[in-house]
N, C-alpha and C. Protein backbone atom coordinates (compact mmCIF):
# COMPACT_ATOMS: atom_id res chain seq x y z
N MET A 1 22.15 -35.64 4.99
CA MET A 1 21.86 -34.44 5.69
C MET A 1 21.77 -33.25 4.74
N LYS A 2 22.67 -33.17 3.76
CA LYS A 2 22.65 -32.07 2.82
C LYS A 2 21.38 -32.09 1.98
N LYS A 3 20.94 -33.28 1.59
CA LYS A 3 19.71 -33.40 0.80
C LYS A 3 18.52 -32.88 1.61
N ARG A 4 18.49 -33.21 2.90
CA ARG A 4 17.41 -32.76 3.76
C ARG A 4 17.39 -31.23 3.84
N ASN A 5 18.56 -30.62 3.98
CA ASN A 5 18.64 -29.16 4.04
C ASN A 5 18.15 -28.53 2.74
N LYS A 6 18.46 -29.15 1.61
CA LYS A 6 18.01 -28.63 0.31
C LYS A 6 16.50 -28.71 0.21
N VAL A 7 15.91 -29.80 0.71
CA VAL A 7 14.46 -29.97 0.68
C VAL A 7 13.79 -28.91 1.56
N ILE A 8 14.35 -28.68 2.75
CA ILE A 8 13.80 -27.67 3.66
C ILE A 8 13.92 -26.29 3.03
N LEU A 9 15.08 -25.99 2.47
CA LEU A 9 15.29 -24.70 1.82
C LEU A 9 14.33 -24.51 0.65
N ALA A 10 14.16 -25.55 -0.15
CA ALA A 10 13.24 -25.47 -1.29
C ALA A 10 11.82 -25.20 -0.80
N GLY A 11 11.42 -25.83 0.28
CA GLY A 11 10.09 -25.61 0.85
C GLY A 11 9.90 -24.18 1.32
N MET A 12 10.94 -23.63 1.93
CA MET A 12 10.88 -22.25 2.40
C MET A 12 10.78 -21.28 1.23
N VAL A 13 11.51 -21.55 0.17
CA VAL A 13 11.47 -20.69 -1.02
C VAL A 13 10.08 -20.72 -1.65
N ILE A 14 9.52 -21.92 -1.75
CA ILE A 14 8.18 -22.05 -2.34
C ILE A 14 7.15 -21.34 -1.48
N ALA A 15 7.23 -21.51 -0.17
CA ALA A 15 6.28 -20.85 0.73
C ALA A 15 6.41 -19.33 0.63
N GLY A 16 7.64 -18.84 0.56
CA GLY A 16 7.86 -17.41 0.42
C GLY A 16 7.33 -16.88 -0.90
N ALA A 17 7.53 -17.63 -1.96
CA ALA A 17 7.05 -17.21 -3.27
C ALA A 17 5.54 -17.19 -3.32
N ALA A 18 4.89 -18.07 -2.58
CA ALA A 18 3.44 -18.11 -2.56
C ALA A 18 2.86 -16.85 -1.92
N ALA A 19 3.58 -16.23 -1.01
CA ALA A 19 3.11 -15.02 -0.35
C ALA A 19 3.24 -13.79 -1.23
N VAL A 20 4.16 -13.78 -2.16
CA VAL A 20 4.42 -12.62 -3.01
C VAL A 20 3.21 -12.22 -3.85
N PRO A 21 2.51 -13.16 -4.49
CA PRO A 21 1.35 -12.73 -5.29
C PRO A 21 0.28 -12.04 -4.46
N THR A 22 0.14 -12.39 -3.19
CA THR A 22 -0.86 -11.74 -2.35
C THR A 22 -0.54 -10.26 -2.20
N VAL A 23 0.70 -9.94 -1.93
CA VAL A 23 1.10 -8.54 -1.80
C VAL A 23 1.01 -7.85 -3.15
N ALA A 24 1.43 -8.51 -4.21
CA ALA A 24 1.38 -7.93 -5.54
C ALA A 24 -0.06 -7.70 -5.97
N ALA A 25 -0.96 -8.63 -5.63
CA ALA A 25 -2.36 -8.48 -6.00
C ALA A 25 -2.98 -7.28 -5.30
N ALA A 26 -2.49 -6.96 -4.12
CA ALA A 26 -2.99 -5.81 -3.39
C ALA A 26 -2.30 -4.53 -3.87
N GLY A 27 -1.49 -4.65 -4.89
CA GLY A 27 -0.79 -3.48 -5.42
C GLY A 27 0.35 -3.04 -4.53
N GLY A 28 0.76 -3.93 -3.62
CA GLY A 28 1.84 -3.58 -2.71
C GLY A 28 1.40 -2.60 -1.64
N ASP A 29 0.11 -2.25 -1.63
CA ASP A 29 -0.43 -1.28 -0.70
C ASP A 29 -1.03 -1.99 0.49
N VAL A 30 -0.41 -1.83 1.64
CA VAL A 30 -0.90 -2.46 2.86
C VAL A 30 -1.44 -1.37 3.77
N ASP A 31 -2.72 -1.43 4.10
CA ASP A 31 -3.32 -0.45 5.00
C ASP A 31 -2.85 -0.69 6.42
N MET A 32 -2.30 0.33 7.03
CA MET A 32 -1.85 0.25 8.41
C MET A 32 -2.87 0.95 9.29
N PRO A 33 -3.46 0.24 10.25
CA PRO A 33 -4.44 0.88 11.13
C PRO A 33 -3.77 1.85 12.11
N ILE A 34 -4.54 2.81 12.58
CA ILE A 34 -4.07 3.72 13.61
C ILE A 34 -4.09 2.95 14.93
N THR A 35 -3.08 3.13 15.75
CA THR A 35 -3.00 2.40 17.02
C THR A 35 -2.66 3.33 18.17
N GLY A 36 -2.81 2.81 19.38
CA GLY A 36 -2.37 3.50 20.60
C GLY A 36 -3.06 4.82 20.85
N ALA A 37 -2.29 5.76 21.39
CA ALA A 37 -2.82 7.09 21.73
C ALA A 37 -3.29 7.82 20.48
N ASP A 38 -2.63 7.59 19.34
CA ASP A 38 -3.07 8.22 18.09
C ASP A 38 -4.48 7.78 17.71
N LEU A 39 -4.80 6.50 17.96
CA LEU A 39 -6.15 6.01 17.68
C LEU A 39 -7.17 6.74 18.55
N ASP A 40 -6.85 6.94 19.81
CA ASP A 40 -7.76 7.65 20.71
C ASP A 40 -8.01 9.08 20.22
N GLN A 41 -6.94 9.77 19.83
CA GLN A 41 -7.08 11.16 19.36
C GLN A 41 -7.82 11.23 18.03
N ALA A 42 -7.50 10.32 17.12
CA ALA A 42 -8.15 10.31 15.81
C ALA A 42 -9.64 10.00 15.95
N THR A 43 -9.96 9.05 16.83
CA THR A 43 -11.36 8.69 17.07
C THR A 43 -12.13 9.89 17.62
N ALA A 44 -11.55 10.56 18.63
CA ALA A 44 -12.21 11.72 19.23
C ALA A 44 -12.44 12.82 18.19
N ALA A 45 -11.45 13.08 17.36
CA ALA A 45 -11.57 14.14 16.34
C ALA A 45 -12.63 13.78 15.30
N ALA A 46 -12.64 12.55 14.85
CA ALA A 46 -13.60 12.13 13.82
C ALA A 46 -15.03 12.15 14.36
N LEU A 47 -15.23 11.65 15.57
CA LEU A 47 -16.58 11.63 16.14
C LEU A 47 -17.06 13.03 16.49
N ALA A 48 -16.15 13.92 16.89
CA ALA A 48 -16.53 15.31 17.13
C ALA A 48 -16.99 15.94 15.81
N TYR A 49 -16.33 15.59 14.73
CA TYR A 49 -16.67 16.14 13.42
C TYR A 49 -18.03 15.63 12.94
N THR A 50 -18.25 14.31 13.06
CA THR A 50 -19.51 13.75 12.55
C THR A 50 -20.67 13.95 13.53
N GLY A 51 -20.36 14.09 14.82
CA GLY A 51 -21.39 14.30 15.82
C GLY A 51 -22.20 13.05 16.14
N ASP A 52 -21.85 11.93 15.53
CA ASP A 52 -22.65 10.71 15.66
C ASP A 52 -21.82 9.54 15.16
N GLY A 53 -22.18 8.36 15.54
CA GLY A 53 -21.62 7.17 14.93
C GLY A 53 -20.56 6.47 15.75
N ARG A 54 -19.96 5.48 15.08
CA ARG A 54 -18.89 4.70 15.70
C ARG A 54 -17.80 4.47 14.65
N VAL A 55 -16.58 4.39 15.11
CA VAL A 55 -15.44 4.18 14.22
C VAL A 55 -15.43 2.71 13.79
N THR A 56 -15.40 2.51 12.47
CA THR A 56 -15.41 1.14 11.93
C THR A 56 -14.17 0.83 11.11
N GLY A 57 -13.25 1.79 11.00
CA GLY A 57 -12.00 1.54 10.29
C GLY A 57 -11.08 2.73 10.42
N THR A 58 -9.78 2.46 10.37
CA THR A 58 -8.79 3.54 10.44
C THR A 58 -7.62 3.19 9.53
N GLU A 59 -6.88 4.23 9.14
CA GLU A 59 -5.71 4.02 8.30
C GLU A 59 -4.71 5.15 8.51
N VAL A 60 -3.44 4.79 8.62
CA VAL A 60 -2.35 5.76 8.68
C VAL A 60 -1.76 5.86 7.28
N GLY A 61 -1.45 7.08 6.85
CA GLY A 61 -0.80 7.26 5.56
C GLY A 61 -1.75 7.08 4.39
N ASP A 62 -2.99 7.46 4.59
CA ASP A 62 -3.98 7.41 3.52
C ASP A 62 -3.51 8.31 2.37
N GLU A 63 -3.92 7.99 1.15
CA GLU A 63 -3.48 8.79 0.00
C GLU A 63 -4.01 10.22 0.04
N GLU A 64 -5.05 10.48 0.83
CA GLU A 64 -5.64 11.81 0.88
C GLU A 64 -5.24 12.62 2.11
N SER A 65 -4.73 11.96 3.13
CA SER A 65 -4.38 12.65 4.37
C SER A 65 -3.45 11.78 5.20
N PHE A 66 -3.02 12.31 6.35
CA PHE A 66 -2.14 11.54 7.21
C PHE A 66 -2.90 10.41 7.89
N TYR A 67 -4.10 10.71 8.39
CA TYR A 67 -4.97 9.70 9.00
C TYR A 67 -6.31 9.69 8.30
N GLU A 68 -6.92 8.52 8.21
CA GLU A 68 -8.30 8.41 7.74
C GLU A 68 -9.06 7.59 8.78
N VAL A 69 -10.23 8.11 9.16
CA VAL A 69 -11.08 7.41 10.11
C VAL A 69 -12.44 7.20 9.45
N GLU A 70 -12.85 5.95 9.34
CA GLU A 70 -14.17 5.63 8.78
C GLU A 70 -15.17 5.57 9.93
N VAL A 71 -16.22 6.37 9.82
CA VAL A 71 -17.26 6.41 10.84
C VAL A 71 -18.56 5.92 10.22
N THR A 72 -19.21 4.96 10.88
CA THR A 72 -20.52 4.50 10.46
C THR A 72 -21.55 5.23 11.33
N LEU A 73 -22.42 5.98 10.67
CA LEU A 73 -23.41 6.77 11.37
C LEU A 73 -24.60 5.90 11.79
N SER A 74 -25.45 6.44 12.65
CA SER A 74 -26.58 5.67 13.17
C SER A 74 -27.56 5.27 12.08
N ASP A 75 -27.59 6.00 10.96
CA ASP A 75 -28.48 5.64 9.86
C ASP A 75 -27.85 4.60 8.92
N GLY A 76 -26.63 4.13 9.26
CA GLY A 76 -25.95 3.12 8.46
C GLY A 76 -25.02 3.67 7.39
N SER A 77 -25.09 4.97 7.13
CA SER A 77 -24.19 5.55 6.13
C SER A 77 -22.79 5.66 6.73
N GLN A 78 -21.80 5.81 5.86
CA GLN A 78 -20.41 5.90 6.31
C GLN A 78 -19.78 7.18 5.82
N VAL A 79 -18.90 7.72 6.65
CA VAL A 79 -18.15 8.92 6.32
C VAL A 79 -16.68 8.66 6.60
N ASP A 80 -15.83 8.94 5.62
CA ASP A 80 -14.39 8.88 5.81
C ASP A 80 -13.93 10.28 6.21
N VAL A 81 -13.39 10.40 7.41
CA VAL A 81 -12.91 11.68 7.91
C VAL A 81 -11.40 11.71 7.75
N GLN A 82 -10.90 12.72 7.04
CA GLN A 82 -9.48 12.88 6.78
C GLN A 82 -8.87 13.82 7.82
N LEU A 83 -7.77 13.39 8.44
CA LEU A 83 -7.11 14.17 9.48
C LEU A 83 -5.65 14.42 9.12
N ASP A 84 -5.13 15.58 9.55
CA ASP A 84 -3.70 15.83 9.38
C ASP A 84 -2.93 15.24 10.57
N GLU A 85 -1.63 15.48 10.63
CA GLU A 85 -0.79 14.91 11.69
C GLU A 85 -1.14 15.42 13.08
N GLN A 86 -1.81 16.58 13.17
CA GLN A 86 -2.21 17.14 14.46
C GLN A 86 -3.67 16.81 14.78
N PHE A 87 -4.28 15.90 14.02
CA PHE A 87 -5.65 15.44 14.21
C PHE A 87 -6.69 16.51 13.91
N ASN A 88 -6.33 17.44 13.02
CA ASN A 88 -7.29 18.43 12.53
C ASN A 88 -7.99 17.84 11.32
N VAL A 89 -9.30 18.05 11.22
CA VAL A 89 -10.05 17.57 10.07
C VAL A 89 -9.67 18.41 8.85
N VAL A 90 -9.26 17.72 7.78
CA VAL A 90 -8.87 18.41 6.55
C VAL A 90 -9.81 18.06 5.40
N GLY A 91 -10.79 17.19 5.66
CA GLY A 91 -11.76 16.85 4.64
C GLY A 91 -12.55 15.63 5.06
N SER A 92 -13.58 15.34 4.27
CA SER A 92 -14.38 14.14 4.52
C SER A 92 -15.04 13.71 3.23
N GLU A 93 -15.46 12.46 3.22
CA GLU A 93 -16.14 11.93 2.04
C GLU A 93 -17.20 10.95 2.53
N ALA A 94 -18.42 11.16 2.06
CA ALA A 94 -19.49 10.22 2.37
C ALA A 94 -19.33 9.02 1.44
N ASP A 95 -19.07 7.85 2.00
CA ASP A 95 -18.87 6.64 1.19
C ASP A 95 -20.14 6.30 0.42
N GLY A 96 -19.94 5.98 -0.84
CA GLY A 96 -21.06 5.52 -1.68
C GLY A 96 -21.89 6.62 -2.28
N LYS A 97 -21.71 7.84 -1.82
CA LYS A 97 -22.50 8.93 -2.35
C LYS A 97 -21.68 9.86 -3.24
N GLY A 98 -20.35 9.68 -3.20
CA GLY A 98 -19.49 10.48 -4.07
C GLY A 98 -19.44 11.94 -3.69
N GLU A 99 -19.78 12.26 -2.46
CA GLU A 99 -19.77 13.65 -2.02
C GLU A 99 -18.46 13.97 -1.33
N ASP A 100 -17.65 14.79 -1.96
CA ASP A 100 -16.41 15.25 -1.34
C ASP A 100 -16.67 16.58 -0.66
N GLN A 101 -16.12 16.71 0.54
CA GLN A 101 -16.28 17.95 1.27
C GLN A 101 -14.92 18.37 1.80
N SER A 102 -14.68 19.66 1.84
CA SER A 102 -13.47 20.19 2.48
C SER A 102 -13.84 20.62 3.87
N ALA A 103 -12.87 20.59 4.76
CA ALA A 103 -13.12 21.05 6.13
C ALA A 103 -13.58 22.50 6.08
N GLY A 104 -14.56 22.83 6.90
CA GLY A 104 -15.04 24.20 6.97
C GLY A 104 -16.18 24.52 6.03
N GLU A 105 -16.61 23.57 5.22
CA GLU A 105 -17.73 23.84 4.33
C GLU A 105 -19.05 23.62 5.02
């Protein structure tokens, strides 16, 4: 019985160790999507800002703002809309074009 427990424990350790490189390879940075009522508010704010498109990605705790909402416009281009904790637009970036914009420009 003890040998069986050691084998099970060893298997669990190996399985756990196999998961560590995945997190390490991602730099320990796990993107957390916006959920619930916050998702509804963030979506409304981002689409009001862009005036067009559909939300194709979200993130809480983005390095540039509290919320980030990725909007794909009808022409296929993408815009990352940066929002603060009150869902105010604080900036945006057109993906792939390298154009940074501040809110109000």
